[in-house]
Amino acid sequence: TSSVMKSLKKMMFKTKSEPRIAVYDIGFDIFKKSEEDLLRAMQMMCKDFHLELVFGKDWTIFNNLTSAIKSNYRSNPFHNWYHAFSVAHMATVFMVRNPCIPHTLGPRYHLAFIIAALGHDLNHPGNDNSFEINSHSALAESYNHESVLENYHVSILLQLLNEEDKNIFYLADPKVQSEIKDFMVEVVLATDMKYHHESVKYLQDVDNVARTIKNKLNRLSVMKAVMHACDISGQCIDLPVAIAWEARISKEMENQAKAQKARISKEMENQAKAQKA
């Protein structure tokens, strides 16, 4: 917590009140907040970094987008709006602790990263990629069995950004907007667990983040690894919150196991009927 406070003092925050600073604590307990509270906290965190400059200080367009993102999450035990906010919150804490990153990214890519974090699991069905692939789902077929859910989530996010009243990057020219969206796709796809070891190996070779991110290609690799780390950070924070996340992911995995068992039983039943016919 002390390191967060030191970083905050170096940055241009508009207020130093304890409740406001508490949001940037890695142990911030989101389960004590309502869904609407988290929307307001998201706006506050972006405002503290002056990211409203990206969309001409029109908070209506920002709120339209974040509200739509919230509405597109299901009430799964784990992959829900609270998880989405948690990942975006951890990404913001990471920015606070490593001010060289937002400085190098600039406001547009900083905001793109936070929104990508917020929308990285949009409309998550509550099961993993292997379930989609093994059940030959329409999603699995649509994305050729490659990062099925991650491709699906980011496609919804891009659809929202393509709506005029939610396009927070409207002030940028079309080429820049396209580049920003490509960046968002890359960091969301990086949340696929199949890239875990690749991310770990890459970070092991990074000895100086500030120096590494000066290179554009390296910057993307770092931000992909950061997004992945934020996505799985629920078990790395204060114990009470970590335990709550563990209970939620365990419940969701239990639900998937039940659904998988039911699917296999149905398939065996159909096979038996076919053999008798």
Protein backbone atom coordinates (compact mmCIF):
# COMPACT_ATOMS: atom_id res chain seq x y z
CA THR A 1 0.00 0.00 0.00
CA SER A 2 2.83 2.43 0.80
CA SER A 3 4.25 2.03 -2.72
CA VAL A 4 0.83 2.88 -4.18
CA MET A 5 0.65 6.00 -2.03
CA LYS A 6 4.12 7.09 -3.17
CA SER A 7 3.17 6.61 -6.81
CA LEU A 8 -0.03 8.57 -6.29
CA LYS A 9 1.87 11.51 -4.86
CA LYS A 10 4.01 11.63 -7.99
CA MET A 11 1.00 11.75 -10.27
CA MET A 12 -1.49 14.51 -11.05
CA PHE A 13 -4.50 13.37 -9.04
CA LYS A 14 -7.12 16.00 -8.33
CA THR A 15 -7.81 14.96 -4.76
CA LYS A 16 -5.86 13.08 -2.11
CA SER A 17 -8.77 12.07 0.14
CA GLU A 18 -8.45 8.65 1.80
CA PRO A 19 -11.63 7.15 0.26
CA ARG A 20 -10.39 8.09 -3.20
CA ILE A 21 -6.90 6.71 -2.65
CA ALA A 22 -8.37 3.49 -1.22
CA VAL A 23 -9.62 2.58 -4.71
CA TYR A 24 -6.00 2.22 -5.82
CA ASP A 25 -5.21 -0.22 -3.04
CA ILE A 26 -4.56 -3.73 -4.36
CA GLY A 27 -6.84 -5.04 -1.60
CA PHE A 28 -9.84 -2.92 -2.61
CA ASP A 29 -12.87 -5.11 -1.79
CA ILE A 30 -15.21 -4.79 -4.74
CA PHE A 31 -17.72 -7.21 -3.21
CA LYS A 32 -18.71 -4.48 -0.78
CA LYS A 33 -19.75 -2.29 -3.72
CA SER A 34 -22.81 -2.32 -5.95
CA GLU A 35 -22.55 -2.68 -9.72
CA GLU A 36 -23.38 1.02 -10.05
CA ASP A 37 -20.67 1.89 -7.51
CA LEU A 38 -18.15 0.15 -9.74
CA LEU A 39 -19.30 2.12 -12.77
CA ARG A 40 -18.71 5.34 -10.84
CA ALA A 41 -15.32 4.09 -9.63
CA MET A 42 -14.36 3.30 -13.24
CA GLN A 43 -15.16 6.86 -14.26
CA MET A 44 -13.26 8.25 -11.29
CA MET A 45 -10.13 6.26 -12.09
CA CYS A 46 -10.16 7.40 -15.71
CA LYS A 47 -10.78 10.98 -14.62
CA ASP A 48 -7.81 10.86 -12.27
CA PHE A 49 -5.57 10.09 -15.26
CA HIS A 50 -7.35 12.83 -17.29
CA LEU A 51 -8.41 10.28 -19.90
CA GLU A 52 -11.52 12.33 -20.68
CA LEU A 53 -9.27 14.32 -23.01
CA VAL A 54 -9.49 11.35 -25.40
CA PHE A 55 -13.23 11.82 -25.90
CA GLY A 56 -13.48 15.58 -25.57
CA LYS A 57 -14.57 15.51 -21.93
CA ASP A 58 -17.94 14.11 -23.01
CA TRP A 59 -18.62 11.74 -20.14
CA THR A 60 -21.95 10.76 -21.66
CA ILE A 61 -20.22 8.76 -24.39
CA PHE A 62 -17.92 7.13 -21.83
CA ASN A 63 -20.85 6.23 -19.57
CA ASN A 64 -22.80 4.88 -22.55
CA LEU A 65 -19.95 2.52 -23.32
CA THR A 66 -19.22 1.34 -19.78
CA SER A 67 -22.93 0.85 -19.02
CA ALA A 68 -23.32 -1.19 -22.20
CA ILE A 69 -20.30 -3.29 -21.24
CA LYS A 70 -21.79 -3.94 -17.81
CA SER A 71 -25.13 -4.92 -19.36
CA ASN A 72 -23.42 -7.44 -21.64
CA TYR A 73 -22.09 -9.54 -18.77
CA ARG A 74 -24.07 -12.53 -17.56
CA SER A 75 -24.67 -13.40 -13.90
CA ASN A 76 -22.07 -16.19 -13.82
CA PRO A 77 -20.46 -17.02 -10.47
CA PHE A 78 -17.05 -15.83 -11.69
CA HIS A 79 -17.04 -14.42 -15.22
CA ASN A 80 -19.34 -11.48 -14.56
CA TRP A 81 -19.27 -7.69 -14.23
CA TYR A 82 -17.37 -7.88 -10.94
CA HIS A 83 -14.58 -9.87 -12.57
CA ALA A 84 -14.52 -7.41 -15.47
CA PHE A 85 -14.13 -4.46 -13.10
CA SER A 86 -11.56 -6.35 -11.03
CA VAL A 87 -9.33 -6.83 -14.08
CA ALA A 88 -9.69 -3.18 -15.14
CA HIS A 89 -9.03 -2.13 -11.54
CA MET A 90 -5.88 -4.24 -11.35
CA ALA A 91 -4.75 -2.79 -14.68
CA THR A 92 -5.19 0.71 -13.22
CA VAL A 93 -3.29 -0.21 -10.05
CA PHE A 94 -0.51 -1.49 -12.30
CA MET A 95 -0.45 1.87 -14.09
CA VAL A 96 -0.23 3.67 -10.76
CA ARG A 97 2.67 1.52 -9.60
CA ASN A 98 4.46 1.79 -12.95
CA PRO A 99 3.90 5.41 -14.12
CA CYS A 100 6.35 4.90 -16.99
CA ILE A 101 3.67 2.78 -18.71
CA PRO A 102 0.81 5.32 -18.96
CA HIS A 103 3.40 7.96 -19.81
CA THR A 104 4.68 5.86 -22.73
CA LEU A 105 1.28 4.58 -23.86
CA GLY A 106 -0.30 8.03 -23.99
CA PRO A 107 -3.95 8.73 -23.11
CA ARG A 108 -5.54 6.93 -26.07
CA TYR A 109 -3.76 3.62 -25.62
CA HIS A 110 -4.01 3.89 -21.85
CA LEU A 111 -7.79 4.24 -22.15
CA ALA A 112 -7.90 1.48 -24.78
CA PHE A 113 -6.12 -0.87 -22.39
CA ILE A 114 -8.48 -0.15 -19.50
CA ILE A 115 -11.58 -0.56 -21.69
CA ALA A 116 -10.15 -3.77 -23.15
CA ALA A 117 -9.70 -5.04 -19.60
CA LEU A 118 -13.27 -4.07 -18.77
CA GLY A 119 -14.65 -5.83 -21.85
CA HIS A 120 -12.30 -8.80 -22.08
CA ASP A 121 -14.97 -11.36 -21.07
CA LEU A 122 -18.13 -9.85 -22.58
CA ASN A 123 -21.14 -12.21 -22.56
CA HIS A 124 -19.01 -15.03 -21.14
CA PRO A 125 -21.08 -18.25 -21.14
CA GLY A 126 -19.56 -19.57 -17.90
CA ASN A 127 -17.42 -22.30 -19.45
CA ASP A 128 -13.98 -22.51 -21.03
CA ASN A 129 -12.73 -22.94 -24.58
CA SER A 130 -12.32 -26.71 -24.29
CA PHE A 131 -16.01 -27.03 -23.43
CA GLU A 132 -16.96 -25.02 -26.52
CA ILE A 133 -14.64 -27.05 -28.75
CA ASN A 134 -15.61 -30.47 -27.36
CA SER A 135 -19.30 -29.67 -27.66
CA HIS A 136 -18.83 -28.50 -31.28
CA SER A 137 -20.61 -25.27 -30.44
CA ALA A 138 -21.49 -22.61 -33.00
CA LEU A 139 -18.91 -20.33 -31.37
CA ALA A 140 -16.16 -22.92 -31.74
CA GLU A 141 -17.01 -23.38 -35.41
CA SER A 142 -17.18 -19.61 -35.98
CA TYR A 143 -13.66 -19.07 -34.69
CA ASN A 144 -12.08 -22.28 -36.05
CA HIS A 145 -11.43 -23.60 -32.53
CA GLU A 146 -8.83 -20.84 -31.94
CA SER A 147 -9.15 -18.69 -28.79
CA VAL A 148 -12.88 -19.18 -29.20
CA LEU A 149 -14.19 -17.17 -26.26
CA GLU A 150 -11.53 -14.47 -26.44
CA ASN A 151 -12.37 -13.81 -30.10
CA TYR A 152 -16.05 -13.73 -29.20
CA HIS A 153 -15.59 -11.31 -26.30
CA VAL A 154 -13.52 -8.83 -28.26
CA SER A 155 -15.90 -8.99 -31.23
CA ILE A 156 -18.69 -7.74 -28.96
CA LEU A 157 -16.44 -5.00 -27.61
CA LEU A 158 -15.65 -3.83 -31.13
CA GLN A 159 -19.34 -3.86 -32.02
CA LEU A 160 -20.04 -1.55 -29.07
CA LEU A 161 -17.20 0.79 -30.05
CA ASN A 162 -18.59 0.95 -33.58
CA GLU A 163 -21.79 2.50 -32.24
CA GLU A 164 -21.66 6.28 -32.55
CA ASP A 165 -22.87 7.00 -29.02
CA LYS A 166 -20.24 4.67 -27.53
CA ASN A 167 -17.18 5.40 -29.68
CA ILE A 168 -14.86 7.02 -27.16
CA PHE A 169 -12.15 7.32 -29.83
CA TYR A 170 -14.26 9.37 -32.23
CA LEU A 171 -11.85 12.32 -32.13
CA ALA A 172 -9.07 10.21 -33.67
CA ASP A 173 -8.89 9.77 -37.43
CA PRO A 174 -10.06 6.41 -38.88
CA LYS A 175 -6.51 5.04 -39.30
CA VAL A 176 -5.64 5.72 -35.66
CA GLN A 177 -8.96 4.26 -34.50
CA SER A 178 -8.21 1.10 -36.47
CA GLU A 179 -4.76 0.82 -34.89
CA ILE A 180 -6.21 1.30 -31.41
CA LYS A 181 -8.79 -1.44 -32.01
CA ASP A 182 -6.06 -3.77 -33.30
CA PHE A 183 -4.21 -3.17 -30.03
CA MET A 184 -7.34 -3.98 -28.03
CA VAL A 185 -7.84 -7.21 -29.97
CA GLU A 186 -4.25 -8.27 -29.28
CA VAL A 187 -4.40 -7.69 -25.52
CA VAL A 188 -7.79 -9.41 -25.15
CA LEU A 189 -6.66 -12.47 -27.14
CA ALA A 190 -3.67 -12.64 -24.79
CA THR A 191 -6.04 -13.61 -21.96
CA ASP A 192 -6.36 -17.10 -23.48
CA MET A 193 -4.68 -19.37 -20.90
CA LYS A 194 -2.84 -21.21 -23.67
CA TYR A 195 -0.48 -18.20 -23.77
CA HIS A 196 0.29 -18.35 -20.05
CA HIS A 197 3.74 -19.91 -20.27
CA GLU A 198 4.64 -17.65 -23.19
CA SER A 199 3.74 -14.60 -21.09
CA VAL A 200 5.70 -15.83 -18.10
CA LYS A 201 8.76 -16.58 -20.20
CA TYR A 202 8.60 -13.17 -21.83
CA LEU A 203 8.38 -11.32 -18.51
CA GLN A 204 11.32 -13.28 -17.12
CA ASP A 205 13.47 -11.68 -19.80
CA VAL A 206 12.30 -8.14 -19.02
CA ASP A 207 14.71 -6.54 -16.56
CA ASN A 208 13.64 -2.93 -17.06
CA VAL A 209 10.03 -2.17 -18.00
CA ALA A 210 10.62 1.52 -18.73
CA ARG A 211 13.40 0.73 -21.19
CA THR A 212 11.62 -2.24 -22.76
CA ILE A 213 8.39 -0.41 -23.63
CA LYS A 214 10.21 2.29 -25.57
CA ASN A 215 10.16 -0.18 -28.46
CA LYS A 216 6.66 -0.42 -30.00
CA LEU A 217 6.74 -4.20 -30.55
CA ASN A 218 8.08 -4.86 -27.06
CA ARG A 219 5.45 -2.50 -25.67
CA LEU A 220 2.67 -4.65 -27.14
CA SER A 221 4.24 -7.82 -25.72
CA VAL A 222 4.50 -6.24 -22.27
CA MET A 223 0.89 -5.04 -22.34
CA LYS A 224 -0.34 -8.48 -23.45
CA ALA A 225 1.48 -10.05 -20.51
CA VAL A 226 0.11 -7.38 -18.15
CA MET A 227 -3.45 -8.03 -19.34
CA HIS A 228 -3.04 -11.75 -18.76
CA ALA A 229 -1.60 -11.11 -15.30
CA CYS A 230 -4.50 -8.81 -14.39
CA ASP A 231 -6.98 -11.43 -15.61
CA ILE A 232 -5.67 -14.07 -13.20
CA SER A 233 -4.84 -11.72 -10.34
CA GLY A 234 -7.84 -12.64 -8.18
CA GLN A 235 -5.84 -15.14 -6.16
CA CYS A 236 -2.92 -12.74 -5.66
CA ILE A 237 -4.67 -10.02 -3.67
CA ASP A 238 -5.71 -9.71 -0.03
CA LEU A 239 -6.78 -13.08 1.37
CA PRO A 240 -10.50 -12.39 2.09
CA VAL A 241 -11.08 -11.17 -1.46
CA ALA A 242 -8.93 -13.95 -2.92
CA ILE A 243 -10.98 -16.57 -1.05
CA ALA A 244 -14.19 -15.07 -2.42
CA TRP A 245 -12.84 -15.28 -5.98
CA GLU A 246 -11.69 -18.86 -5.41
CA ALA A 247 -15.17 -19.88 -4.28
CA ARG A 248 -16.68 -18.26 -7.36
CA ILE A 249 -14.37 -19.89 -9.91
CA SER A 250 -14.79 -23.26 -8.19
CA LYS A 251 -18.57 -22.94 -8.46
CA GLU A 252 -18.35 -22.04 -12.13
CA MET A 253 -16.06 -25.01 -12.83
CA GLU A 254 -18.48 -27.26 -10.96
CA ASN A 255 -21.32 -25.99 -13.14
CA GLN A 256 -19.28 -26.70 -16.26
CA ALA A 257 -18.49 -30.22 -15.06
CA LYS A 258 -22.19 -30.89 -14.55
CA ALA A 259 -23.04 -29.55 -18.00
CA GLN A 260 -20.28 -31.61 -19.56
CA LYS A 261 -21.48 -34.76 -17.81
CA ALA A 262 -25.02 -34.13 -19.03
CA ARG A 263 -23.78 -33.57 -22.59
CA ILE A 264 -21.75 -36.78 -22.62
CA SER A 265 -24.67 -38.76 -21.17
CA LYS A 266 -26.93 -37.39 -23.90
CA GLU A 267 -24.41 -38.31 -26.59
CA MET A 268 -24.10 -41.87 -25.24
CA GLU A 269 -27.86 -42.18 -25.10
CA ASN A 270 -28.16 -41.07 -28.73
CA GLN A 271 -25.45 -43.49 -29.79
CA ALA A 272 -27.25 -46.35 -28.04
CA LYS A 273 -30.50 -45.45 -29.81
CA ALA A 274 -28.71 -45.31 -33.16
CA GLN A 275 -27.20 -48.76 -32.65
CA LYS A 276 -30.61 -50.25 -31.86
CA ALA A 277 -32.23 -48.65 -34.90
